[in-house]
């Protein structure tokens, strides 16, 4: 395993040496300029989206708490319907049956 890692390091070093001077200086400068512009644009987007992201996160948190409270109130309300009573009766009936052996 260590030998394989060492082989990879040798190949990486060889590639770095072989490809070190492939780009002309003007192409490299142009690429660096485009990368800098891209990073600046992304930094500006991130700066503008920060407060909006926090606001959306707060809205989702409040909504989830409201849904949780609604679920608790619905369960505690005990306003059952005839269908719910029948389903509960069937569940208790099945729970009292002995398991079948196969």
PDB file of N, CA and C in Angstrom:
ATOM      1  N   UNK A   1       0.826  -1.189   0.000  1.00  0.00           N
ATOM      2  CA  UNK A   1       0.000   0.000   0.000  1.00  0.00           C
ATOM      3  C   UNK A   1       0.871   1.255   0.000  1.00  0.00           C
ATOM      4  N   UNK A   2       1.925   1.244   0.807  1.00  0.00           N
ATOM      5  CA  UNK A   2       2.811   2.396   0.867  1.00  0.00           C
ATOM      6  C   UNK A   2       3.565   2.556  -0.442  1.00  0.00           C
ATOM      7  N   UNK A   3       3.924   1.444  -1.046  1.00  0.00           N
ATOM      8  CA  UNK A   3       4.625   1.513  -2.327  1.00  0.00           C
ATOM      9  C   UNK A   3       3.748   2.170  -3.391  1.00  0.00           C
ATOM     10  N   UNK A   4       2.443   1.847  -3.379  1.00  0.00           N
ATOM     11  CA  UNK A   4       1.535   2.458  -4.354  1.00  0.00           C
ATOM     12  C   UNK A   4       1.448   3.962  -4.134  1.00  0.00           C
ATOM     13  N   UNK A   5       1.429   4.400  -2.883  1.00  0.00           N
ATOM     14  CA  UNK A   5       1.371   5.820  -2.593  1.00  0.00           C
ATOM     15  C   UNK A   5       2.652   6.504  -3.058  1.00  0.00           C
ATOM     16  N   UNK A   6       3.779   5.867  -2.844  1.00  0.00           N
ATOM     17  CA  UNK A   6       5.051   6.443  -3.287  1.00  0.00           C
ATOM     18  C   UNK A   6       5.117   6.533  -4.810  1.00  0.00           C
ATOM     19  N   UNK A   7       4.575   5.526  -5.497  1.00  0.00           N
ATOM     20  CA  UNK A   7       4.540   5.584  -6.949  1.00  0.00           C
ATOM     21  C   UNK A   7       3.717   6.768  -7.425  1.00  0.00           C
ATOM     22  N   UNK A   8       2.589   7.017  -6.756  1.00  0.00           N
ATOM     23  CA  UNK A   8       1.737   8.148  -7.109  1.00  0.00           C
ATOM     24  C   UNK A   8       2.447   9.468  -6.902  1.00  0.00           C
ATOM     25  N   UNK A   9       3.237   9.558  -5.841  1.00  0.00           N
ATOM     26  CA  UNK A   9       3.978  10.799  -5.580  1.00  0.00           C
ATOM     27  C   UNK A   9       5.010  11.025  -6.674  1.00  0.00           C
ATOM     28  N   UNK A  10       5.665   9.958  -7.115  1.00  0.00           N
ATOM     29  CA  UNK A  10       6.645  10.102  -8.189  1.00  0.00           C
ATOM     30  C   UNK A  10       5.983  10.559  -9.483  1.00  0.00           C
ATOM     31  N   UNK A  11       4.812  10.011  -9.776  1.00  0.00           N
ATOM     32  CA  UNK A  11       4.097  10.388 -10.995  1.00  0.00           C
ATOM     33  C   UNK A  11       3.646  11.839 -10.895  1.00  0.00           C
ATOM     34  N   UNK A  12       3.159  12.249  -9.715  1.00  0.00           N
ATOM     35  CA  UNK A  12       2.742  13.645  -9.547  1.00  0.00           C
ATOM     36  C   UNK A  12       3.911  14.593  -9.746  1.00  0.00           C
ATOM     37  N   UNK A  13       5.053  14.258  -9.175  1.00  0.00           N
ATOM     38  CA  UNK A  13       6.231  15.100  -9.347  1.00  0.00           C
ATOM     39  C   UNK A  13       6.666  15.168 -10.792  1.00  0.00           C
ATOM     40  N   UNK A  14       6.613  14.045 -11.466  1.00  0.00           N
ATOM     41  CA  UNK A  14       6.985  14.005 -12.882  1.00  0.00           C
ATOM     42  C   UNK A  14       6.057  14.873 -13.719  1.00  0.00           C
ATOM     43  N   UNK A  15       4.744  14.799 -13.442  1.00  0.00           N
ATOM     44  CA  UNK A  15       3.789  15.629 -14.187  1.00  0.00           C
ATOM     45  C   UNK A  15       4.017  17.111 -13.914  1.00  0.00           C
ATOM     46  N   UNK A  16       4.303  17.460 -12.656  1.00  0.00           N
ATOM     47  CA  UNK A  16       4.558  18.869 -12.344  1.00  0.00           C
ATOM     48  C   UNK A  16       5.792  19.384 -13.088  1.00  0.00           C
ATOM     49  N   UNK A  17       6.814  18.558 -13.135  1.00  0.00           N
ATOM     50  CA  UNK A  17       8.034  18.983 -13.841  1.00  0.00           C
ATOM     51  C   UNK A  17       7.787  19.094 -15.350  1.00  0.00           C
ATOM     52  N   UNK A  18       7.040  18.158 -15.897  1.00  0.00           N
ATOM     53  CA  UNK A  18       6.823  18.138 -17.341  1.00  0.00           C
ATOM     54  C   UNK A  18       5.896  19.250 -17.800  1.00  0.00           C
ATOM     55  N   UNK A  19       4.908  19.612 -16.985  1.00  0.00           N
ATOM     56  CA  UNK A  19       3.904  20.584 -17.408  1.00  0.00           C
ATOM     57  C   UNK A  19       4.092  21.949 -16.759  1.00  0.00           C
ATOM     58  N   UNK A  20       5.223  22.215 -16.189  1.00  0.00           N
ATOM     59  CA  UNK A  20       5.440  23.468 -15.461  1.00  0.00           C
ATOM     60  C   UNK A  20       5.395  24.686 -16.375  1.00  0.00           C
ATOM     61  N   UNK A  21       5.894  24.591 -17.561  1.00  0.00           N
ATOM     62  CA  UNK A  21       5.995  25.776 -18.413  1.00  0.00           C
ATOM     63  C   UNK A  21       5.168  25.646 -19.700  1.00  0.00           C
ATOM     64  N   UNK A  22       4.050  24.947 -19.635  1.00  0.00           N
ATOM     65  CA  UNK A  22       3.251  24.755 -20.844  1.00  0.00           C
ATOM     66  C   UNK A  22       2.450  25.991 -21.230  1.00  0.00           C
ATOM     67  N   UNK A  23       1.979  26.769 -20.254  1.00  0.00           N
ATOM     68  CA  UNK A  23       1.162  27.930 -20.576  1.00  0.00           C
ATOM     69  C   UNK A  23       2.032  29.150 -20.859  1.00  0.00           C
ATOM     70  N   UNK A  24       1.711  29.877 -21.917  1.00  0.00           N
ATOM     71  CA  UNK A  24       2.412  31.148 -22.136  1.00  0.00           C
ATOM     72  C   UNK A  24       2.038  32.139 -21.040  1.00  0.00           C
ATOM     73  N   UNK A  25       2.868  33.109 -20.814  1.00  0.00           N
ATOM     74  CA  UNK A  25       2.663  34.064 -19.720  1.00  0.00           C
ATOM     75  C   UNK A  25       1.379  34.869 -19.896  1.00  0.00           C
ATOM     76  N   UNK A  26       1.049  35.280 -21.136  1.00  0.00           N
ATOM     77  CA  UNK A  26      -0.162  36.076 -21.335  1.00  0.00           C
ATOM     78  C   UNK A  26      -1.428  35.262 -21.094  1.00  0.00           C
ATOM     79  N   UNK A  27      -1.406  33.983 -21.428  1.00  0.00           N
ATOM     80  CA  UNK A  27      -2.565  33.113 -21.173  1.00  0.00           C
ATOM     81  C   UNK A  27      -2.743  32.917 -19.667  1.00  0.00           C
ATOM     82  N   UNK A  28      -1.632  32.708 -18.977  1.00  0.00           N
ATOM     83  CA  UNK A  28      -1.707  32.531 -17.531  1.00  0.00           C
ATOM     84  C   UNK A  28      -2.240  33.792 -16.856  1.00  0.00           C
ATOM     85  N   UNK A  29      -1.787  34.953 -17.307  1.00  0.00           N
ATOM     86  CA  UNK A  29      -2.263  36.211 -16.734  1.00  0.00           C
ATOM     87  C   UNK A  29      -3.756  36.396 -17.006  1.00  0.00           C
ATOM     88  N   UNK A  30      -4.194  36.055 -18.210  1.00  0.00           N
ATOM     89  CA  UNK A  30      -5.617  36.158 -18.538  1.00  0.00           C
ATOM     90  C   UNK A  30      -6.460  35.233 -17.681  1.00  0.00           C
ATOM     91  N   UNK A  31      -5.961  34.024 -17.468  1.00  0.00           N
ATOM     92  CA  UNK A  31      -6.706  33.082 -16.630  1.00  0.00           C
ATOM     93  C   UNK A  31      -6.778  33.575 -15.185  1.00  0.00           C
ATOM     94  N   UNK A  32      -5.674  34.107 -14.672  1.00  0.00           N
ATOM     95  CA  UNK A  32      -5.672  34.635 -13.305  1.00  0.00           C
ATOM     96  C   UNK A  32      -6.645  35.811 -13.177  1.00  0.00           C
ATOM     97  N   UNK A  33      -6.710  36.653 -14.207  1.00  0.00           N
ATOM     98  CA  UNK A  33      -7.622  37.793 -14.188  1.00  0.00           C
ATOM     99  C   UNK A  33      -9.074  37.318 -14.181  1.00  0.00           C
ATOM    100  N   UNK A  34      -9.383  36.325 -15.004  1.00  0.00           N
ATOM    101  CA  UNK A  34     -10.761  35.800 -15.051  1.00  0.00           C
ATOM    102  C   UNK A  34     -11.138  35.133 -13.744  1.00  0.00           C
ATOM    103  N   UNK A  35     -10.195  34.415 -13.137  1.00  0.00           N
ATOM    104  CA  UNK A  35     -10.460  33.768 -11.851  1.00  0.00           C
ATOM    105  C   UNK A  35     -10.708  34.821 -10.775  1.00  0.00           C
ATOM    106  N   UNK A  36      -9.923  35.899 -10.785  1.00  0.00           N
ATOM    107  CA  UNK A  36     -10.110  36.973  -9.806  1.00  0.00           C
ATOM    108  C   UNK A  36     -11.482  37.626  -9.970  1.00  0.00           C
ATOM    109  N   UNK A  37     -11.896  37.878 -11.225  1.00  0.00           N
ATOM    110  CA  UNK A  37     -13.220  38.467 -11.474  1.00  0.00           C
ATOM    111  C   UNK A  37     -14.336  37.537 -11.004  1.00  0.00           C
ATOM    112  N   UNK A  38     -14.165  36.253 -11.271  1.00  0.00           N
ATOM    113  CA  UNK A  38     -15.165  35.276 -10.849  1.00  0.00           C
ATOM    114  C   UNK A  38     -15.284  35.251  -9.329  1.00  0.00           C
ATOM    115  N   UNK A  39     -14.144  35.256  -8.640  1.00  0.00           N
ATOM    116  CA  UNK A  39     -14.166  35.238  -7.174  1.00  0.00           C
ATOM    117  C   UNK A  39     -14.812  36.498  -6.621  1.00  0.00           C
ATOM    118  N   UNK A  40     -14.534  37.645  -7.211  1.00  0.00           N
ATOM    119  CA  UNK A  40     -15.151  38.891  -6.758  1.00  0.00           C
ATOM    120  C   UNK A  40     -16.661  38.846  -6.940  1.00  0.00           C
ATOM    121  N   UNK A  41     -17.112  38.349  -8.081  1.00  0.00           N
ATOM    122  CA  UNK A  41     -18.555  38.263  -8.337  1.00  0.00           C
ATOM    123  C   UNK A  41     -19.226  37.333  -7.336  1.00  0.00           C
ATOM    124  N   UNK A  42     -18.587  36.196  -7.037  1.00  0.00           N
ATOM    125  CA  UNK A  42     -19.164  35.260  -6.082  1.00  0.00           C
ATOM    126  C   UNK A  42     -19.181  35.851  -4.679  1.00  0.00           C
ATOM    127  N   UNK A  43     -18.148  36.618  -4.327  1.00  0.00           N
ATOM    128  CA  UNK A  43     -18.110  37.251  -3.010  1.00  0.00           C
ATOM    129  C   UNK A  43     -19.227  38.277  -2.880  1.00  0.00           C
ATOM    130  N   UNK A  44     -19.509  39.024  -3.949  1.00  0.00           N
ATOM    131  CA  UNK A  44     -20.595  40.003  -3.914  1.00  0.00           C
ATOM    132  C   UNK A  44     -21.947  39.311  -3.807  1.00  0.00           C
ATOM    133  N   UNK A  45     -22.127  38.208  -4.530  1.00  0.00           N
ATOM    134  CA  UNK A  45     -23.383  37.455  -4.443  1.00  0.00           C
ATOM    135  C   UNK A  45     -23.579  36.911  -3.041  1.00  0.00           C
ATOM    136  N   UNK A  46     -22.523  36.373  -2.472  1.00  0.00           N
ATOM    137  CA  UNK A  46     -22.592  35.797  -1.135  1.00  0.00           C
ATOM    138  C   UNK A  46     -22.906  36.875  -0.111  1.00  0.00           C
ATOM    139  N   UNK A  47     -22.320  38.067  -0.296  1.00  0.00           N
ATOM    140  CA  UNK A  47     -22.570  39.168   0.631  1.00  0.00           C
ATOM    141  C   UNK A  47     -24.013  39.629   0.580  1.00  0.00           C
ATOM    142  N   UNK A  48     -24.608  39.660  -0.594  1.00  0.00           N
ATOM    143  CA  UNK A  48     -25.997  40.099  -0.735  1.00  0.00           C
ATOM    144  C   UNK A  48     -26.974  39.018  -0.303  1.00  0.00           C
ATOM    145  N   UNK A  49     -26.613  37.770  -0.445  1.00  0.00           N
ATOM    146  CA  UNK A  49     -27.534  36.680  -0.125  1.00  0.00           C
ATOM    147  C   UNK A  49     -27.499  36.299   1.349  1.00  0.00           C
ATOM    148  N   UNK A  50     -26.544  36.797   2.100  1.00  0.00           N
ATOM    149  CA  UNK A  50     -26.416  36.425   3.508  1.00  0.00           C
ATOM    150  C   UNK A  50     -27.647  36.748   4.340  1.00  0.00           C
ATOM    151  N   UNK A  51     -28.087  38.013   4.375  1.00  0.00           N
ATOM    152  CA  UNK A  51     -29.277  38.343   5.176  1.00  0.00           C
ATOM    153  C   UNK A  51     -30.537  37.634   4.683  1.00  0.00           C
ATOM    154  N   UNK A  52     -30.669  37.472   3.380  1.00  0.00           N
ATOM    155  CA  UNK A  52     -31.848  36.777   2.847  1.00  0.00           C
ATOM    156  C   UNK A  52     -31.851  35.325   3.297  1.00  0.00           C
ATOM    157  N   UNK A  53     -30.670  34.707   3.337  1.00  0.00           N
ATOM    158  CA  UNK A  53     -30.581  33.316   3.766  1.00  0.00           C
ATOM    159  C   UNK A  53     -30.965  33.199   5.232  1.00  0.00           C
ATOM    160  N   UNK A  54     -30.506  34.133   6.062  1.00  0.00           N
ATOM    161  CA  UNK A  54     -30.859  34.093   7.475  1.00  0.00           C
ATOM    162  C   UNK A  54     -32.352  34.303   7.669  1.00  0.00           C
ATOM    163  N   UNK A  55     -32.950  35.196   6.879  1.00  0.00           N
ATOM    164  CA  UNK A  55     -34.385  35.424   6.977  1.00  0.00           C
ATOM    165  C   UNK A  55     -35.164  34.164   6.608  1.00  0.00           C
ATOM    166  N   UNK A  56     -34.762  33.514   5.489  1.00  0.00           N
ATOM    167  CA  UNK A  56     -35.451  32.286   5.076  1.00  0.00           C
ATOM    168  C   UNK A  56     -35.297  31.200   6.125  1.00  0.00           C
ATOM    169  N   UNK A  57     -34.119  31.115   6.717  1.00  0.00           N
ATOM    170  CA  UNK A  57     -33.888  30.110   7.754  1.00  0.00           C
ATOM    171  C   UNK A  57     -34.804  30.362   8.951  1.00  0.00           C
ATOM    172  N   UNK A  58     -34.963  31.617   9.325  1.00  0.00           N
ATOM    173  CA  UNK A  58     -35.852  31.954  10.444  1.00  0.00           C
ATOM    174  C   UNK A  58     -37.304  31.629  10.134  1.00  0.00           C
ATOM    175  N   UNK A  59     -37.702  31.891   8.892  1.00  0.00           N
ATOM    176  CA  UNK A  59     -39.078  31.579   8.487  1.00  0.00           C
ATOM    177  C   UNK A  59     -39.322  30.073   8.549  1.00  0.00           C
ATOM    178  N   UNK A  60     -38.367  29.275   8.067  1.00  0.00           N
ATOM    179  CA  UNK A  60     -38.525  27.816   8.119  1.00  0.00           C
ATOM    180  C   UNK A  60     -38.579  27.326   9.558  1.00  0.00           C
ATOM    181  N   UNK A  61     -37.773  27.905  10.433  1.00  0.00           N
ATOM    182  CA  UNK A  61     -37.786  27.498  11.843  1.00  0.00           C
ATOM    183  C   UNK A  61     -39.138  27.820  12.476  1.00  0.00           C
ATOM    184  N   UNK A  62     -39.664  29.013  12.214  1.00  0.00           N
ATOM    185  CA  UNK A  62     -40.966  29.393  12.774  1.00  0.00           C
ATOM    186  C   UNK A  62     -42.078  28.500  12.227  1.00  0.00           C
ATOM    187  N   UNK A  63     -42.021  28.205  10.942  1.00  0.00           N
ATOM    188  CA  UNK A  63     -43.031  27.343  10.335  1.00  0.00           C
ATOM    189  C   UNK A  63     -42.991  25.940  10.927  1.00  0.00           C
ATOM    190  N   UNK A  64     -41.797  25.419  11.149  1.00  0.00           N
ATOM    191  CA  UNK A  64     -41.692  24.075  11.717  1.00  0.00           C
ATOM    192  C   UNK A  64     -42.212  24.046  13.151  1.00  0.00           C
ATOM    193  N   UNK A  65     -41.966  25.103  13.919  1.00  0.00           N
ATOM    194  CA  UNK A  65     -42.506  25.157  15.278  1.00  0.00           C
ATOM    195  C   UNK A  65     -44.026  25.246  15.265  1.00  0.00           C
ATOM    196  N   UNK A  66     -44.576  26.008  14.334  1.00  0.00           N
ATOM    197  CA  UNK A  66     -46.036  26.096  14.237  1.00  0.00           C
ATOM    198  C   UNK A  66     -46.658  24.753  13.863  1.00  0.00           C
ATOM    199  N   UNK A  67     -46.021  24.032  12.945  1.00  0.00           N
ATOM    200  CA  UNK A  67     -46.542  22.717  12.567  1.00  0.00           C
ATOM    201  C   UNK A  67     -46.447  21.731  13.721  1.00  0.00           C
ATOM    202  N   UNK A  68     -45.365  21.806  14.480  1.00  0.00           N
ATOM    203  CA  UNK A  68     -45.213  20.940  15.642  1.00  0.00           C
ATOM    204  C   UNK A  68     -46.286  21.237  16.681  1.00  0.00           C
ATOM    205  N   UNK A  69     -46.536  22.521  16.929  1.00  0.00           N
ATOM    206  CA  UNK A  69     -47.579  22.899  17.886  1.00  0.00           C
ATOM    207  C   UNK A  69     -48.958  22.464  17.388  1.00  0.00           C
ATOM    208  N   UNK A  70     -49.212  22.602  16.096  1.00  0.00           N
ATOM    209  CA  UNK A  70     -50.505  22.171  15.548  1.00  0.00           C
ATOM    210  C   UNK A  70     -50.689  20.671  15.706  1.00  0.00           C
ATOM    211  N   UNK A  71     -49.627  19.898  15.487  1.00  0.00           N
ATOM    212  CA  UNK A  71     -49.720  18.452  15.665  1.00  0.00           C
ATOM    213  C   UNK A  71     -50.009  18.077  17.105  1.00  0.00           C
ATOM    214  N   UNK A  72     -49.355  18.758  18.045  1.00  0.00           N
ATOM    215  CA  UNK A  72     -49.588  18.477  19.460  1.00  0.00           C
ATOM    216  C   UNK A  72     -51.021  18.821  19.837  1.00  0.00           C
ATOM    217  N   UNK A  73     -51.510  19.966  19.353  1.00  0.00           N
ATOM    218  CA  UNK A  73     -52.887  20.356  19.664  1.00  0.00           C
ATOM    219  C   UNK A  73     -53.906  19.402  19.044  1.00  0.00           C
ATOM    220  N   UNK A  74     -53.635  18.935  17.838  1.00  0.00           N
ATOM    221  CA  UNK A  74     -54.569  17.999  17.203  1.00  0.00           C
ATOM    222  C   UNK A  74     -54.601  16.659  17.945  1.00  0.00           C
ATOM    223  N   UNK A  75     -53.454  16.209  18.424  1.00  0.00           N
ATOM    224  CA  UNK A  75     -53.440  14.950  19.160  1.00  0.00           C
ATOM    225  C   UNK A  75     -54.089  15.105  20.531  1.00  0.00           C
ATOM    226  N   UNK A  76     -53.904  16.253  21.148  1.00  0.00           N
ATOM    227  CA  UNK A  76     -54.463  16.462  22.482  1.00  0.00           C
ATOM    228  C   UNK A  76     -55.927  16.824  22.459  1.00  0.00           C
ATOM    229  N   UNK A  77     -56.451  17.240  21.319  1.00  0.00           N
ATOM    230  CA  UNK A  77     -57.837  17.663  21.224  1.00  0.00           C
ATOM    231  C   UNK A  77     -58.829  16.529  21.404  1.00  0.00           C
ATOM    232  N   UNK A  78     -58.445  15.325  21.088  1.00  0.00           N
ATOM    233  CA  UNK A  78     -59.300  14.135  21.204  1.00  0.00           C
ATOM    234  C   UNK A  78     -60.620  14.276  20.459  1.00  0.00           C
ATOM    235  N   UNK A  79     -60.663  15.053  19.414  1.00  0.00           N
ATOM    236  CA  UNK A  79     -61.865  15.162  18.594  1.00  0.00           C
ATOM    237  C   UNK A  79     -61.795  14.033  17.569  1.00  0.00           C
ATOM    238  N   UNK A  80     -62.336  12.884  17.959  1.00  0.00           N
ATOM    239  CA  UNK A  80     -62.221  11.726  17.076  1.00  0.00           C
ATOM    240  C   UNK A  80     -63.456  11.598  16.186  1.00  0.00           C
ATOM    241  N   UNK A  81     -63.240  10.968  15.088  1.00  0.00           N
ATOM    242  CA  UNK A  81     -64.326  10.744  14.146  1.00  0.00           C
ATOM    243  C   UNK A  81     -64.743   9.274  14.234  1.00  0.00           C
ATOM    244  N   UNK A  82     -65.889   8.913  13.682  1.00  0.00           N
ATOM    245  CA  UNK A  82     -66.301   7.509  13.705  1.00  0.00           C
ATOM    246  C   UNK A  82     -65.298   6.608  12.980  1.00  0.00           C
ATOM    247  N   UNK A  83     -64.692   7.104  11.934  1.00  0.00           N
ATOM    248  CA  UNK A  83     -63.699   6.322  11.220  1.00  0.00           C
ATOM    249  C   UNK A  83     -62.489   6.051  12.107  1.00  0.00           C
ATOM    250  N   UNK A  84     -62.048   7.072  12.837  1.00  0.00           N
ATOM    251  CA  UNK A  84     -60.902   6.893  13.737  1.00  0.00           C
ATOM    252  C   UNK A  84     -61.242   5.900  14.842  1.00  0.00           C
ATOM    253  N   UNK A  85     -62.480   5.937  15.337  1.00  0.00           N
ATOM    254  CA  UNK A  85     -62.885   4.979  16.373  1.00  0.00           C
ATOM    255  C   UNK A  85     -62.866   3.548  15.832  1.00  0.00           C
ATOM    256  N   UNK A  86     -63.322   3.349  14.606  1.00  0.00           N
ATOM    257  CA  UNK A  86     -63.316   2.005  14.011  1.00  0.00           C
ATOM    258  C   UNK A  86     -61.887   1.507  13.812  1.00  0.00           C
ATOM    259  N   UNK A  87     -61.011   2.384  13.343  1.00  0.00           N
ATOM    260  CA  UNK A  87     -59.615   1.994  13.135  1.00  0.00           C
ATOM    261  C   UNK A  87     -58.967   1.627  14.461  1.00  0.00           C
ATOM    262  N   UNK A  88     -59.247   2.394  15.507  1.00  0.00           N
ATOM    263  CA  UNK A  88     -58.699   2.093  16.828  1.00  0.00           C
ATOM    264  C   UNK A  88     -59.223   0.762  17.346  1.00  0.00           C
ATOM    265  N   UNK A  89     -60.490   0.468  17.088  1.00  0.00           N
ATOM    266  CA  UNK A  89     -61.063  -0.801  17.530  1.00  0.00           C
ATOM    267  C   UNK A  89     -60.409  -1.974  16.797  1.00  0.00           C
ATOM    268  N   UNK A  90     -60.174  -1.816  15.516  1.00  0.00           N
ATOM    269  CA  UNK A  90     -59.527  -2.879  14.737  1.00  0.00           C
ATOM    270  C   UNK A  90     -58.097  -3.088  15.227  1.00  0.00           C
ATOM    271  N   UNK A  91     -57.391  -2.018  15.538  1.00  0.00           N
ATOM    272  CA  UNK A  91     -56.023  -2.141  16.043  1.00  0.00           C
ATOM    273  C   UNK A  91     -55.995  -2.900  17.373  1.00  0.00           C
ATOM    274  N   UNK A  92     -56.900  -2.580  18.266  1.00  0.00           N
ATOM    275  CA  UNK A  92     -56.911  -3.277  19.564  1.00  0.00           C
ATOM    276  C   UNK A  92     -57.313  -4.733  19.394  1.00  0.00           C
ATOM    277  N   UNK A  93     -58.184  -5.006  18.457  1.00  0.00           N
ATOM    278  CA  UNK A  93     -58.586  -6.381  18.201  1.00  0.00           C
ATOM    279  C   UNK A  93     -57.411  -7.200  17.678  1.00  0.00           C
ATOM    280  N   UNK A  94     -56.655  -6.635  16.741  1.00  0.00           N
ATOM    281  CA  UNK A  94     -55.492  -7.336  16.209  1.00  0.00           C
ATOM    282  C   UNK A  94     -54.406  -7.495  17.256  1.00  0.00           C
ATOM    283  N   UNK A  95     -54.282  -6.534  18.150  1.00  0.00           N
ATOM    284  CA  UNK A  95     -53.250  -6.618  19.180  1.00  0.00           C
ATOM    285  C   UNK A  95     -53.540  -7.734  20.166  1.00  0.00           C
ATOM    286  N   UNK A  96     -54.834  -8.035  20.362  1.00  0.00           N
ATOM    287  CA  UNK A  96     -55.188  -9.088  21.328  1.00  0.00           C
ATOM    288  C   UNK A  96     -55.101 -10.484  20.730  1.00  0.00           C
ATOM    289  N   UNK A  97     -55.035 -10.598  19.410  1.00  0.00           N
ATOM    290  CA  UNK A  97     -54.922 -11.913  18.769  1.00  0.00           C
ATOM    291  C   UNK A  97     -53.550 -12.509  19.005  1.00  0.00           C
ATOM    292  N   UNK A  98     -53.523 -13.826  19.108  1.00  0.00           N
ATOM    293  CA  UNK A  98     -52.229 -14.504  19.244  1.00  0.00           C
ATOM    294  C   UNK A  98     -51.573 -14.568  17.879  1.00  0.00           C
ATOM    295  N   UNK A  99     -50.240 -14.449  17.836  1.00  0.00           N
ATOM    296  CA  UNK A  99     -49.557 -14.538  16.538  1.00  0.00           C
ATOM    297  C   UNK A  99     -49.691 -15.949  15.963  1.00  0.00           C
ATOM    298  N   UNK A 100     -49.893 -16.011  14.672  1.00  0.00           N
ATOM    299  CA  UNK A 100     -50.013 -17.320  14.024  1.00  0.00           C
ATOM    300  C   UNK A 100     -48.639 -17.917  13.811  1.00  0.00           C
ATOM    301  N   UNK A 101     -48.580 -19.232  13.940  1.00  0.00           N
ATOM    302  CA  UNK A 101     -47.299 -19.928  13.704  1.00  0.00           C
ATOM    303  C   UNK A 101     -47.305 -20.495  12.313  1.00  0.00           C
ATOM    304  N   UNK A 102     -46.183 -20.410  11.679  1.00  0.00           N
ATOM    305  CA  UNK A 102     -46.094 -20.949  10.315  1.00  0.00           C
ATOM    306  C   UNK A 102     -45.210 -22.139  10.290  1.00  0.00           C
TER     307      UNK A 102
END
